[in-house]
N, C-alpha and C. Protein backbone atom coordinates (compact mmCIF):
# COMPACT_ATOMS: atom_id res chain seq x y z
N MET A 1 35.39 -34.44 5.31
CA MET A 1 35.08 -35.59 5.25
C MET A 1 33.53 -35.70 5.12
N PRO A 2 32.88 -35.34 3.67
CA PRO A 2 31.39 -35.68 3.65
C PRO A 2 30.77 -36.77 4.02
N ILE A 3 29.65 -36.97 4.59
CA ILE A 3 28.75 -38.10 4.66
C ILE A 3 27.39 -38.35 4.01
N GLN A 4 27.35 -39.46 3.25
CA GLN A 4 26.12 -39.31 2.62
C GLN A 4 24.88 -38.68 3.17
N PRO A 5 24.14 -37.69 2.54
CA PRO A 5 22.95 -37.52 3.17
C PRO A 5 21.98 -38.63 3.16
N LEU A 6 21.36 -37.96 4.44
CA LEU A 6 19.91 -38.73 5.14
C LEU A 6 19.04 -38.35 4.92
N PRO A 7 17.90 -39.13 4.72
CA PRO A 7 16.63 -38.89 4.51
C PRO A 7 15.93 -37.59 5.45
N LEU A 8 15.12 -36.42 5.44
CA LEU A 8 14.86 -35.68 6.24
C LEU A 8 14.30 -35.99 7.31
N GLY A 9 14.52 -35.81 8.72
CA GLY A 9 14.39 -36.44 9.91
C GLY A 9 14.68 -37.77 10.28
N SER A 10 15.61 -38.43 9.54
CA SER A 10 15.40 -39.70 10.38
C SER A 10 16.62 -39.78 11.59
N ALA A 11 17.50 -38.88 11.44
CA ALA A 11 18.09 -38.57 12.84
C ALA A 11 17.57 -38.10 13.98
N HIS A 12 16.14 -37.84 13.55
CA HIS A 12 15.32 -37.62 14.84
C HIS A 12 14.45 -39.09 15.04
N ARG A 13 14.00 -39.61 14.19
CA ARG A 13 13.11 -40.57 14.16
C ARG A 13 13.80 -41.67 14.69
N HIS A 14 15.24 -42.36 14.72
CA HIS A 14 15.88 -42.95 15.21
C HIS A 14 16.74 -42.24 16.73
N GLY A 15 16.84 -41.38 16.92
CA GLY A 15 17.04 -40.80 18.06
C GLY A 15 18.57 -40.54 17.89
N PRO A 16 19.41 -39.86 19.16
CA PRO A 16 20.84 -40.09 19.05
C PRO A 16 21.46 -40.94 19.19
N PRO A 17 21.09 -42.31 18.98
CA PRO A 17 22.31 -42.99 18.54
C PRO A 17 22.83 -43.17 16.95
N ILE A 18 21.70 -43.02 16.43
CA ILE A 18 22.31 -42.96 14.86
C ILE A 18 23.37 -41.33 14.68
N LEU A 19 22.63 -40.63 15.57
CA LEU A 19 23.95 -39.40 15.14
C LEU A 19 24.68 -39.46 15.82
N LEU A 20 25.01 -40.31 17.02
CA LEU A 20 26.17 -40.52 17.54
C LEU A 20 27.30 -41.28 16.72
N LEU A 21 26.55 -42.27 16.10
CA LEU A 21 27.24 -43.17 15.27
C LEU A 21 27.51 -42.14 14.17
N ILE A 22 27.27 -41.62 13.58
CA ILE A 22 27.64 -40.72 12.42
C ILE A 22 28.85 -39.46 12.93
N LEU A 23 28.65 -39.21 13.88
CA LEU A 23 29.51 -38.10 14.64
C LEU A 23 30.75 -38.87 14.98
N ALA A 24 30.66 -39.87 15.12
CA ALA A 24 31.68 -41.14 15.62
C ALA A 24 32.52 -41.45 14.43
N ALA A 25 32.15 -41.36 13.18
CA ALA A 25 32.49 -41.40 11.62
C ALA A 25 33.15 -40.59 11.12
N ILE A 26 32.85 -39.16 11.58
CA ILE A 26 33.11 -37.59 11.27
C ILE A 26 33.87 -37.13 12.61
N LEU A 27 34.35 -37.56 13.48
CA LEU A 27 34.84 -36.83 14.44
C LEU A 27 36.63 -37.17 14.64
N PRO A 28 36.82 -38.55 14.26
CA PRO A 28 38.28 -38.97 14.15
C PRO A 28 39.07 -38.08 12.98
N ALA A 29 38.62 -37.57 11.77
CA ALA A 29 38.65 -36.82 10.82
C ALA A 29 38.45 -34.87 11.18
N ALA A 30 37.75 -34.86 11.76
CA ALA A 30 37.23 -33.78 12.01
C ALA A 30 38.29 -32.97 13.47
N ALA A 31 39.01 -33.85 14.41
CA ALA A 31 39.70 -33.82 15.37
C ALA A 31 39.06 -32.80 16.22
N CYS A 32 39.00 -31.55 16.27
CA CYS A 32 38.53 -30.91 17.20
C CYS A 32 37.92 -29.77 16.48
N GLY A 33 37.80 -29.95 15.32
CA GLY A 33 37.19 -29.03 14.45
C GLY A 33 35.60 -29.25 14.26
N GLU A 34 34.96 -28.24 13.84
CA GLU A 34 33.52 -28.14 13.54
C GLU A 34 33.26 -29.14 13.07
N ILE A 35 31.79 -29.70 13.33
CA ILE A 35 30.85 -30.41 12.24
C ILE A 35 29.71 -29.88 12.12
N TYR A 36 29.32 -29.59 10.87
CA TYR A 36 28.12 -28.88 10.28
C TYR A 36 27.01 -29.85 9.71
N ARG A 37 25.92 -29.17 10.04
CA ARG A 37 24.72 -30.32 9.59
C ARG A 37 23.70 -29.21 8.70
N TRP A 38 22.99 -29.23 7.74
CA TRP A 38 22.52 -28.82 7.13
C TRP A 38 21.47 -29.40 5.99
N VAL A 39 20.44 -28.94 5.81
CA VAL A 39 19.51 -29.64 4.78
C VAL A 39 19.44 -28.76 3.43
N ASP A 40 19.39 -29.73 2.18
CA ASP A 40 19.71 -29.03 1.12
C ASP A 40 18.25 -28.76 0.22
N GLU A 41 18.20 -28.49 -0.79
CA GLU A 41 17.07 -27.83 -1.17
C GLU A 41 16.18 -28.71 -1.64
N ASP A 42 16.60 -30.15 -1.60
CA ASP A 42 15.74 -31.28 -1.50
C ASP A 42 15.16 -32.13 -0.41
N GLY A 43 15.60 -31.44 0.85
CA GLY A 43 15.18 -32.00 1.74
C GLY A 43 15.89 -33.11 2.58
N GLN A 44 17.47 -33.49 2.41
CA GLN A 44 18.58 -34.15 2.15
C GLN A 44 19.09 -33.59 3.66
N VAL A 45 19.30 -34.13 5.13
CA VAL A 45 20.07 -33.77 5.64
C VAL A 45 21.56 -34.14 5.56
N HIS A 46 22.80 -33.24 5.73
CA HIS A 46 23.94 -33.76 5.78
C HIS A 46 24.47 -32.99 6.77
N MET A 47 25.73 -34.01 6.66
CA MET A 47 26.51 -33.97 7.92
C MET A 47 27.99 -33.81 7.45
N SER A 48 28.72 -32.97 7.73
CA SER A 48 30.19 -33.02 7.64
C SER A 48 31.08 -31.99 8.38
N ASP A 49 32.40 -32.48 7.96
CA ASP A 49 33.44 -31.70 8.81
C ASP A 49 33.54 -30.02 8.00
N THR A 50 33.05 -30.45 7.17
CA THR A 50 33.34 -29.16 6.06
C THR A 50 32.03 -28.22 6.01
N PRO A 51 32.11 -27.26 5.70
CA PRO A 51 30.91 -26.63 5.83
C PRO A 51 30.49 -26.72 4.18
N PRO A 52 29.26 -26.67 3.65
CA PRO A 52 28.28 -26.91 2.40
C PRO A 52 29.47 -26.03 1.27
N SER A 53 29.59 -26.51 0.23
CA SER A 53 30.30 -25.73 -0.51
C SER A 53 29.82 -24.40 -0.90
N ASP A 54 28.36 -23.93 -1.09
CA ASP A 54 27.63 -22.94 -1.31
C ASP A 54 27.39 -22.79 0.13
N VAL A 55 28.15 -21.85 0.96
CA VAL A 55 27.59 -21.82 2.15
C VAL A 55 26.72 -20.65 2.59
N THR A 56 26.29 -19.74 1.18
CA THR A 56 25.73 -18.62 1.58
C THR A 56 23.82 -19.35 1.47
N ARG A 57 23.94 -20.66 0.76
CA ARG A 57 22.57 -21.06 0.33
C ARG A 57 21.43 -21.91 0.92
N PHE A 58 22.30 -22.46 2.18
CA PHE A 58 21.60 -23.18 3.42
C PHE A 58 21.75 -22.46 4.79
N ASP A 59 20.51 -22.94 5.81
CA ASP A 59 20.79 -22.89 6.99
C ASP A 59 21.65 -23.86 7.79
N ARG A 60 22.89 -23.49 8.47
CA ARG A 60 23.53 -24.43 9.12
C ARG A 60 23.93 -24.75 10.60
N GLU A 61 23.71 -26.08 11.14
CA GLU A 61 24.34 -26.13 12.31
C GLU A 61 25.89 -26.72 12.78
N VAL A 62 26.06 -26.15 13.73
CA VAL A 62 27.43 -26.23 14.14
C VAL A 62 27.54 -27.20 15.47
N ILE A 63 27.81 -28.51 15.72
CA ILE A 63 27.55 -29.63 16.59
C ILE A 63 28.56 -29.92 16.96
N ASP A 64 28.67 -29.93 18.75
CA ASP A 64 29.78 -30.71 19.42
C ASP A 64 30.35 -32.14 19.23
N ARG A 65 30.76 -32.73 20.10
CA ARG A 65 31.11 -34.23 20.08
C ARG A 65 29.89 -35.19 20.48
N ARG A 66 29.35 -34.38 21.80
CA ARG A 66 28.02 -35.32 22.23
C ARG A 66 26.78 -35.15 21.31
N GLY A 67 26.87 -34.53 20.08
CA GLY A 67 25.88 -34.40 19.51
C GLY A 67 24.97 -33.52 19.50
N LEU A 68 25.68 -32.08 20.60
CA LEU A 68 24.43 -30.98 21.18
C LEU A 68 24.59 -29.80 19.92
N VAL A 69 23.43 -29.02 19.44
CA VAL A 69 24.18 -27.85 18.37
C VAL A 69 24.54 -26.87 19.07
N ARG A 70 25.54 -26.24 19.10
CA ARG A 70 26.17 -25.75 19.61
C ARG A 70 26.10 -23.81 19.24
N GLU A 71 25.75 -23.80 18.04
CA GLU A 71 25.63 -22.74 17.22
C GLU A 71 24.57 -22.80 15.88
N ARG A 72 24.00 -22.22 15.25
CA ARG A 72 23.02 -21.98 14.42
C ARG A 72 23.69 -21.30 13.17
N ARG A 73 23.60 -20.92 12.15
CA ARG A 73 24.09 -19.81 11.63
C ARG A 73 23.00 -20.11 10.20
N GLU A 74 22.66 -18.65 9.67
CA GLU A 74 21.41 -18.27 9.33
C GLU A 74 21.83 -18.04 7.52
N ALA A 75 21.58 -18.83 6.51
CA ALA A 75 22.04 -18.24 5.42
C ALA A 75 21.28 -16.81 5.33
N PRO A 76 22.30 -16.03 4.40
CA PRO A 76 21.51 -14.72 4.05
C PRO A 76 20.19 -14.99 2.91
N PRO A 77 19.44 -14.20 3.20
CA PRO A 77 18.46 -14.09 2.64
C PRO A 77 18.46 -13.83 1.04
N SER A 78 17.78 -14.53 0.22
CA SER A 78 17.87 -14.74 -1.43
C SER A 78 17.09 -13.27 -2.00
N ALA A 79 17.97 -13.12 -2.96
CA ALA A 79 17.21 -12.16 -3.66
C ALA A 79 15.74 -11.73 -3.65
N ALA A 80 15.00 -13.41 -4.07
CA ALA A 80 13.47 -13.19 -3.74
C ALA A 80 13.11 -12.68 -2.58
N GLU A 81 13.62 -13.43 -1.19
CA GLU A 81 13.76 -12.90 -0.13
C GLU A 81 13.66 -11.03 0.06
N ARG A 82 14.52 -10.95 -0.29
CA ARG A 82 15.29 -9.71 0.05
C ARG A 82 14.01 -8.50 -0.48
N GLU A 83 13.72 -9.17 -1.70
CA GLU A 83 12.64 -8.63 -2.43
C GLU A 83 11.05 -8.11 -2.05
N ALA A 84 10.97 -9.26 -1.12
CA ALA A 84 9.79 -9.67 -0.84
C ALA A 84 9.27 -8.43 0.71
N ARG A 85 10.65 -8.97 1.37
CA ARG A 85 10.81 -8.34 2.33
C ARG A 85 10.82 -6.63 1.96
N ALA A 86 11.46 -5.96 1.40
CA ALA A 86 11.38 -4.91 0.81
C ALA A 86 9.80 -4.52 0.47
N ALA A 87 8.77 -5.04 -0.06
CA ALA A 87 7.81 -4.87 -0.60
C ALA A 87 6.86 -5.03 0.45
N GLU A 88 7.31 -5.86 1.45
CA GLU A 88 6.13 -5.69 2.78
C GLU A 88 6.43 -4.35 3.51
N GLU A 89 7.89 -4.28 3.79
CA GLU A 89 8.20 -2.67 4.47
C GLU A 89 7.42 -1.55 3.55
N ALA A 90 7.88 -1.91 2.55
CA ALA A 90 6.93 -0.35 1.80
C ALA A 90 5.49 -0.51 1.90
N ARG A 91 4.72 -1.37 2.15
CA ARG A 91 3.45 -1.92 2.14
C ARG A 91 3.27 -1.25 3.45
N LEU A 92 4.02 -1.60 4.56
CA LEU A 92 3.59 -0.87 5.77
C LEU A 92 3.61 0.58 6.11
N ARG A 93 4.59 0.98 5.56
CA ARG A 93 5.17 2.37 5.60
C ARG A 93 3.64 3.00 5.07
N ALA A 94 3.06 2.49 3.80
CA ALA A 94 2.18 3.40 2.94
C ALA A 94 0.98 2.83 4.04
N GLU A 95 0.77 2.08 4.87
CA GLU A 95 -0.42 1.89 5.49
C GLU A 95 -0.27 2.84 6.49
N GLU A 96 1.11 3.05 7.00
CA GLU A 96 1.11 3.84 8.69
C GLU A 96 1.05 5.20 7.89
N GLU A 97 1.24 5.47 6.59
CA GLU A 97 1.17 6.86 6.35
C GLU A 97 -0.64 7.37 5.91
N ALA A 98 -0.99 6.58 5.58
CA ALA A 98 -2.25 6.50 5.21
C ALA A 98 -2.99 6.84 6.53
N ALA A 99 -2.76 6.26 7.54
CA ALA A 99 -3.52 5.68 8.57
C ALA A 99 -3.26 7.22 9.57
N ALA A 100 -2.00 7.86 9.19
CA ALA A 100 -1.51 9.67 10.00
C ALA A 100 -2.05 10.31 9.28
N ARG A 101 -2.32 10.25 8.01
CA ARG A 101 -3.36 11.30 6.89
C ARG A 101 -4.72 11.29 7.20
N GLN A 102 -5.39 10.14 7.62
CA GLN A 102 -6.41 9.71 8.00
C GLN A 102 -6.99 10.54 9.21
N ALA A 103 -6.00 10.36 9.90
CA ALA A 103 -6.10 10.77 11.70
C ALA A 103 -5.85 12.41 11.52
N GLU A 104 -4.79 12.86 10.99
CA GLU A 104 -5.11 14.81 10.63
C GLU A 104 -6.47 14.80 10.03
N ALA A 105 -6.45 14.34 8.95
CA ALA A 105 -8.03 14.56 8.15
C ALA A 105 -9.25 14.61 9.36
N ASP A 106 -9.73 13.56 10.28
CA ASP A 106 -10.12 13.01 11.32
C ASP A 106 -10.49 14.44 12.12
N ARG A 107 -8.95 14.99 12.79
CA ARG A 107 -9.05 15.92 13.37
C ARG A 107 -9.05 17.26 12.99
N ILE A 108 -9.03 17.58 11.67
CA ILE A 108 -9.60 19.19 11.50
C ILE A 108 -11.29 18.71 11.04
N LEU A 109 -11.79 17.84 10.79
CA LEU A 109 -13.10 17.82 10.27
C LEU A 109 -13.94 17.98 11.65
N LEU A 110 -13.61 17.01 12.79
CA LEU A 110 -14.11 17.57 14.11
C LEU A 110 -13.57 18.94 14.77
N GLN A 111 -12.53 19.88 14.70
CA GLN A 111 -12.49 20.98 14.83
C GLN A 111 -13.27 21.57 13.90
N SER A 112 -13.61 21.73 13.06
CA SER A 112 -14.34 22.11 12.01
C SER A 112 -15.44 22.34 12.10
N PHE A 113 -16.42 21.50 12.45
CA PHE A 113 -17.49 21.34 12.76
C PHE A 113 -18.01 20.46 13.74
N GLY A 114 -18.73 21.32 14.54
CA GLY A 114 -19.49 21.34 16.06
C GLY A 114 -20.12 19.67 16.32
N SER A 115 -21.25 19.27 14.75
CA SER A 115 -22.56 18.78 14.44
C SER A 115 -22.60 18.91 13.07
N GLU A 116 -23.39 17.81 12.88
CA GLU A 116 -24.18 17.69 11.50
C GLU A 116 -24.55 18.69 10.75
N ARG A 117 -25.20 19.18 11.69
CA ARG A 117 -25.78 20.66 11.22
C ARG A 117 -25.01 21.73 10.92
N GLU A 118 -23.91 21.93 11.02
CA GLU A 118 -23.23 22.76 10.64
C GLU A 118 -22.71 22.72 9.58
N LEU A 119 -22.27 21.06 9.68
CA LEU A 119 -21.45 20.63 8.27
C LEU A 119 -22.78 20.97 6.65
N ILE A 120 -23.63 20.45 7.12
CA ILE A 120 -25.09 20.50 6.33
C ILE A 120 -25.16 22.22 5.78
N HIS A 121 -25.19 22.79 6.73
CA HIS A 121 -24.84 24.61 6.67
C HIS A 121 -24.04 25.15 5.68
N THR A 122 -22.98 24.79 5.80
CA THR A 122 -21.48 25.15 4.96
C THR A 122 -21.96 24.42 3.96
N ARG A 123 -22.19 22.88 3.71
CA ARG A 123 -22.41 22.83 2.51
C ARG A 123 -23.55 23.20 1.20
N ASP A 124 -25.04 23.52 1.93
CA ASP A 124 -25.81 24.18 1.59
C ASP A 124 -25.03 25.92 0.82
N ASP A 125 -24.42 26.23 1.73
CA ASP A 125 -23.86 27.68 1.31
C ASP A 125 -22.97 27.84 -0.07
N ARG A 126 -22.10 26.57 0.02
CA ARG A 126 -21.50 26.27 -0.85
C ARG A 126 -21.84 26.30 -2.59
N LEU A 127 -23.00 25.33 -2.40
CA LEU A 127 -23.93 24.65 -3.49
C LEU A 127 -24.24 26.17 -3.43
N ALA A 128 -25.10 26.78 -2.97
CA ALA A 128 -25.88 27.98 -3.24
C ALA A 128 -25.25 28.53 -4.19
N LEU A 129 -23.51 28.83 -3.62
CA LEU A 129 -23.18 30.20 -4.52
C LEU A 129 -22.80 29.59 -5.84
N ILE A 130 -22.48 28.60 -6.33
CA ILE A 130 -21.89 27.94 -7.46
C ILE A 130 -23.35 27.80 -8.32
N ASP A 131 -24.35 27.75 -7.32
CA ASP A 131 -25.75 27.89 -8.76
C ASP A 131 -25.84 28.47 -9.28
N SER A 132 -25.69 30.21 -8.14
CA SER A 132 -25.68 31.23 -8.82
C SER A 132 -24.93 31.69 -9.50
N GLU A 133 -23.60 31.56 -9.48
CA GLU A 133 -22.89 31.30 -10.67
C GLU A 133 -23.12 30.65 -12.19
N LEU A 134 -23.57 29.47 -11.95
CA LEU A 134 -23.91 28.87 -13.03
C LEU A 134 -25.29 29.50 -13.61
N VAL A 135 -26.31 30.17 -13.02
CA VAL A 135 -27.06 30.56 -13.63
C VAL A 135 -26.93 32.05 -14.41
N LEU A 136 -25.93 32.41 -13.84
CA LEU A 136 -25.56 33.74 -14.52
C LEU A 136 -24.65 32.97 -15.98
N LEU A 137 -24.10 32.02 -15.70
CA LEU A 137 -23.20 31.72 -17.25
C LEU A 137 -24.53 31.34 -17.93
N ARG A 138 -25.41 30.33 -17.40
CA ARG A 138 -26.26 30.16 -18.32
C ARG A 138 -26.89 31.06 -19.40
N GLU A 139 -27.24 32.23 -18.31
CA GLU A 139 -27.99 33.47 -19.09
C GLU A 139 -26.95 33.74 -19.94
N ARG A 140 -25.94 34.25 -19.74
CA ARG A 140 -24.61 35.04 -20.27
C ARG A 140 -24.40 33.79 -21.72
N LEU A 141 -24.58 32.46 -21.76
CA LEU A 141 -24.36 32.35 -22.69
C LEU A 141 -25.46 31.92 -23.74
N GLU A 142 -26.66 32.09 -22.99
CA GLU A 142 -27.83 32.25 -23.99
C GLU A 142 -28.41 33.66 -24.87
N GLU A 143 -27.59 34.44 -23.98
CA GLU A 143 -27.36 35.83 -24.82
C GLU A 143 -26.33 35.77 -25.75
N LEU A 144 -25.41 35.29 -25.66
CA LEU A 144 -24.37 34.92 -26.73
C LEU A 144 -24.85 34.17 -27.76
N ARG A 145 -25.64 33.50 -27.64
CA ARG A 145 -26.26 32.67 -28.98
C ARG A 145 -27.14 33.43 -29.47
N GLN A 146 -28.19 33.99 -28.82
CA GLN A 146 -28.90 35.13 -29.70
C GLN A 146 -28.23 36.01 -30.34
N GLU A 147 -27.28 36.20 -30.11
CA GLU A 147 -26.22 37.68 -30.76
C GLU A 147 -25.94 36.59 -32.01
N ARG A 148 -25.35 35.86 -32.19
CA ARG A 148 -24.89 35.04 -32.91
C ARG A 148 -25.78 34.91 -33.82
N GLU A 149 -26.95 34.63 -33.65
CA GLU A 149 -27.94 34.10 -34.26
C GLU A 149 -28.29 35.45 -35.44
N ARG A 150 -28.65 36.34 -34.13
CA ARG A 150 -28.48 37.91 -34.99
C ARG A 150 -27.93 38.43 -36.08
N LEU A 151 -26.91 38.39 -35.78
CA LEU A 151 -25.46 38.62 -36.85
C LEU A 151 -25.11 37.68 -37.95
N ARG A 152 -26.11 36.08 -37.90
CA ARG A 152 -25.76 35.34 -39.12
C ARG A 152 -27.46 36.02 -39.91
N SER A 153 -28.48 36.02 -39.28
CA SER A 153 -29.61 36.27 -40.29
C SER A 153 -29.25 37.77 -40.42
N GLU A 154 -28.26 38.97 -40.17
CA GLU A 154 -27.98 40.02 -40.86
C GLU A 154 -27.14 39.74 -41.72
N GLY A 155 -26.45 38.76 -42.01
CA GLY A 155 -25.49 38.35 -43.10
C GLY A 155 -24.00 38.70 -42.81
N ASP A 156 -23.86 38.96 -40.95
CA ASP A 156 -22.61 39.60 -40.55
C ASP A 156 -21.65 37.99 -40.61
N MET A 157 -21.26 37.23 -41.11
CA MET A 157 -21.00 36.19 -41.21
C MET A 157 -19.48 36.07 -40.39
N ALA A 158 -19.07 37.30 -40.31
CA ALA A 158 -17.50 37.36 -39.58
C ALA A 158 -17.58 37.54 -38.10
N GLN A 159 -18.89 38.39 -37.84
CA GLN A 159 -18.39 38.57 -36.08
C GLN A 159 -19.50 37.43 -36.10
N ALA A 160 -20.40 36.72 -36.60
CA ALA A 160 -20.82 35.72 -35.93
C ALA A 160 -19.79 34.25 -35.78
N ASP A 161 -18.68 34.55 -36.64
CA ASP A 161 -17.47 33.53 -36.57
C ASP A 161 -16.88 33.80 -35.45
N ALA A 162 -16.58 35.17 -35.01
CA ALA A 162 -15.55 35.53 -34.02
C ALA A 162 -16.23 35.37 -32.66
N LEU A 163 -18.11 35.41 -32.55
CA LEU A 163 -18.96 35.11 -31.41
C LEU A 163 -18.46 33.80 -30.90
N GLU A 164 -18.62 32.88 -31.96
CA GLU A 164 -18.43 31.17 -31.49
C GLU A 164 -16.80 30.97 -30.24
N GLU A 165 -16.00 31.81 -30.67
CA GLU A 165 -14.65 31.65 -29.62
C GLU A 165 -15.40 32.26 -28.03
N ARG A 166 -16.24 32.97 -28.31
CA ARG A 166 -16.75 33.64 -26.64
C ARG A 166 -17.54 33.06 -26.18
N ILE A 167 -18.39 32.01 -27.20
CA ILE A 167 -19.45 30.95 -26.58
C ILE A 167 -19.00 30.11 -26.75
N ARG A 168 -17.68 29.33 -26.64
CA ARG A 168 -17.17 28.08 -26.29
C ARG A 168 -16.31 28.30 -25.17
N ALA A 169 -15.75 29.24 -24.79
CA ALA A 169 -15.32 29.96 -23.70
C ALA A 169 -16.59 29.66 -22.58
N HIS A 170 -17.70 30.61 -22.72
CA HIS A 170 -18.54 30.21 -21.46
C HIS A 170 -19.29 28.92 -21.21
N GLN A 171 -19.00 28.23 -22.34
CA GLN A 171 -19.76 26.98 -22.47
C GLN A 171 -18.71 25.98 -21.64
N ALA A 172 -17.53 26.10 -21.95
CA ALA A 172 -16.06 25.31 -21.05
C ALA A 172 -16.85 25.78 -19.80
N ARG A 173 -16.40 26.84 -19.57
CA ARG A 173 -16.65 27.55 -17.68
C ARG A 173 -17.93 27.01 -17.45
N LEU A 174 -19.18 27.05 -18.10
CA LEU A 174 -20.21 26.45 -17.48
C LEU A 174 -19.95 24.61 -17.10
N GLU A 175 -19.36 24.04 -18.18
CA GLU A 175 -18.95 22.58 -18.03
C GLU A 175 -18.39 22.70 -16.67
N GLU A 176 -16.95 23.37 -16.22
CA GLU A 176 -16.30 23.32 -15.41
C GLU A 176 -16.74 24.09 -13.78
N GLN A 177 -17.63 24.84 -14.01
CA GLN A 177 -18.83 25.25 -12.62
C GLN A 177 -19.70 23.90 -12.49
N ARG A 178 -20.39 23.10 -13.14
CA ARG A 178 -20.83 21.99 -12.78
C ARG A 178 -20.43 20.87 -12.24
N ALA A 179 -19.09 20.65 -12.72
CA ALA A 179 -17.83 19.72 -12.48
C ALA A 179 -17.31 20.01 -10.87
N GLN A 180 -16.83 20.95 -10.80
CA GLN A 180 -17.22 22.00 -9.52
C GLN A 180 -17.97 21.31 -8.05
N ARG A 181 -18.99 21.72 -9.13
CA ARG A 181 -20.09 21.68 -7.82
C ARG A 181 -20.22 20.26 -7.58
N GLU A 182 -20.39 19.57 -8.64
CA GLU A 182 -20.41 17.93 -8.30
C GLU A 182 -19.44 17.39 -7.16
N ARG A 183 -18.19 17.87 -7.23
CA ARG A 183 -16.86 17.67 -6.82
C ARG A 183 -17.26 18.16 -5.20
N ILE A 184 -17.93 19.15 -5.04
CA ILE A 184 -17.86 19.85 -3.48
C ILE A 184 -19.12 18.60 -3.02
N GLU A 185 -20.25 18.37 -3.96
CA GLU A 185 -21.07 17.62 -2.92
C GLU A 185 -20.71 15.95 -2.38
N GLN A 186 -19.79 15.85 -3.45
CA GLN A 186 -19.54 14.32 -3.47
C GLN A 186 -18.13 14.38 -1.98
N ARG A 187 -17.97 15.61 -1.80
CA ARG A 187 -16.52 15.93 -0.38
C ARG A 187 -17.46 16.16 0.50
N PHE A 188 -18.19 16.70 0.50
CA PHE A 188 -19.42 17.08 1.73
C PHE A 188 -20.14 15.48 2.08
N ARG A 189 -20.31 14.73 1.20
CA ARG A 189 -21.28 13.54 1.25
C ARG A 189 -20.31 12.83 2.10
N HIS A 190 -19.07 12.50 1.87
CA HIS A 190 -18.00 11.82 2.32
C HIS A 190 -17.70 12.55 3.60
N ASP A 191 -17.69 14.08 3.95
CA ASP A 191 -17.65 14.16 5.04
C ASP A 191 -18.60 14.23 6.21
N LEU A 192 -19.37 14.25 5.65
CA LEU A 192 -20.74 13.97 6.74
C LEU A 192 -20.88 12.29 7.09
N GLU A 193 -20.60 11.61 6.16
CA GLU A 193 -20.57 9.94 6.85
C GLU A 193 -19.87 9.97 7.82
N ARG A 194 -18.16 10.75 7.47
CA ARG A 194 -16.94 9.94 8.54
C ARG A 194 -17.19 10.88 9.63
N LEU A 195 -18.04 12.20 9.45
CA LEU A 195 -18.47 13.00 10.72
C LEU A 195 -19.40 11.88 11.70
N ARG A 196 -20.26 11.53 10.83
CA ARG A 196 -21.28 10.46 11.96
C ARG A 196 -20.65 9.35 12.43
N THR A 197 -19.55 9.35 11.60
CA THR A 197 -18.81 7.74 12.44
C THR A 197 -17.97 8.20 13.44
N LEU A 198 -17.08 9.06 13.35
CA LEU A 198 -16.62 9.46 14.10
C LEU A 198 -17.03 10.06 15.46
N ARG A 199 -18.29 10.92 15.15
CA ARG A 199 -19.43 10.81 16.71
C ARG A 199 -19.59 9.73 17.09
N ALA A 200 -20.49 8.53 16.41
CA ALA A 200 -20.73 7.71 17.06
C ALA A 200 -19.60 7.05 17.79
N ARG A 201 -18.61 6.97 17.57
CA ARG A 201 -17.25 6.86 18.35
C ARG A 201 -16.92 7.27 19.42
N GLN A 202 -17.21 8.89 19.54
CA GLN A 202 -17.08 9.16 20.87
C GLN A 202 -18.31 9.14 21.58
N GLU A 203 -19.22 8.68 21.27
CA GLU A 203 -20.43 8.32 22.10
C GLU A 203 -20.21 7.02 22.59
N ASP A 204 -19.73 6.05 21.91
CA ASP A 204 -19.38 4.93 22.54
C ASP A 204 -18.37 4.95 23.07
N ALA A 205 -17.07 5.61 23.47
CA ALA A 205 -16.38 5.34 24.32
C ALA A 205 -16.49 5.42 25.53
N PRO A 206 -16.15 4.47 26.16
CA PRO A 206 -16.14 4.92 28.01
C PRO A 206 -15.83 6.08 28.38
């Protein structure tokens, strides 16, 4: 036997007497059955001896003859709630994985370099090696260009055109080495900053 909805919180404002009056109206029909109370999407409080027709949409309470809540039953999460929960769990997993990767990278960095000086020395060695390769590539590229111009001046256009492919290959290799040098420099710059941070933490630790 459904009861007309009450404004949200009205039972709480007027205290147990109103709730007991409502129960008195319901109990004869409910006999020894359960009394349900729930709040709908409009904020209206409902009480009835039967659960809401769409029981999966609302949280509800089971009340005894004294007006005490005997059981609370939560509605299952909606599709939007499940989606939000899954997204939050995925975010937390991603954060945990990122933290684990960073911890491993920090461990390797500390094991690899005992000081900033060691890291800087290693960086300079790597960059010097690439710089020497860049010098050789530039010199070879200039030689090829001069050879191409010589062939053109002699009228050997076929050989000059064939040389273009080698020039393009050397130019591409030169650009690749320049990009690699930039990547190495950036990586060591990042590693140096991180090493300083980690060393500072170690010094500040009790």
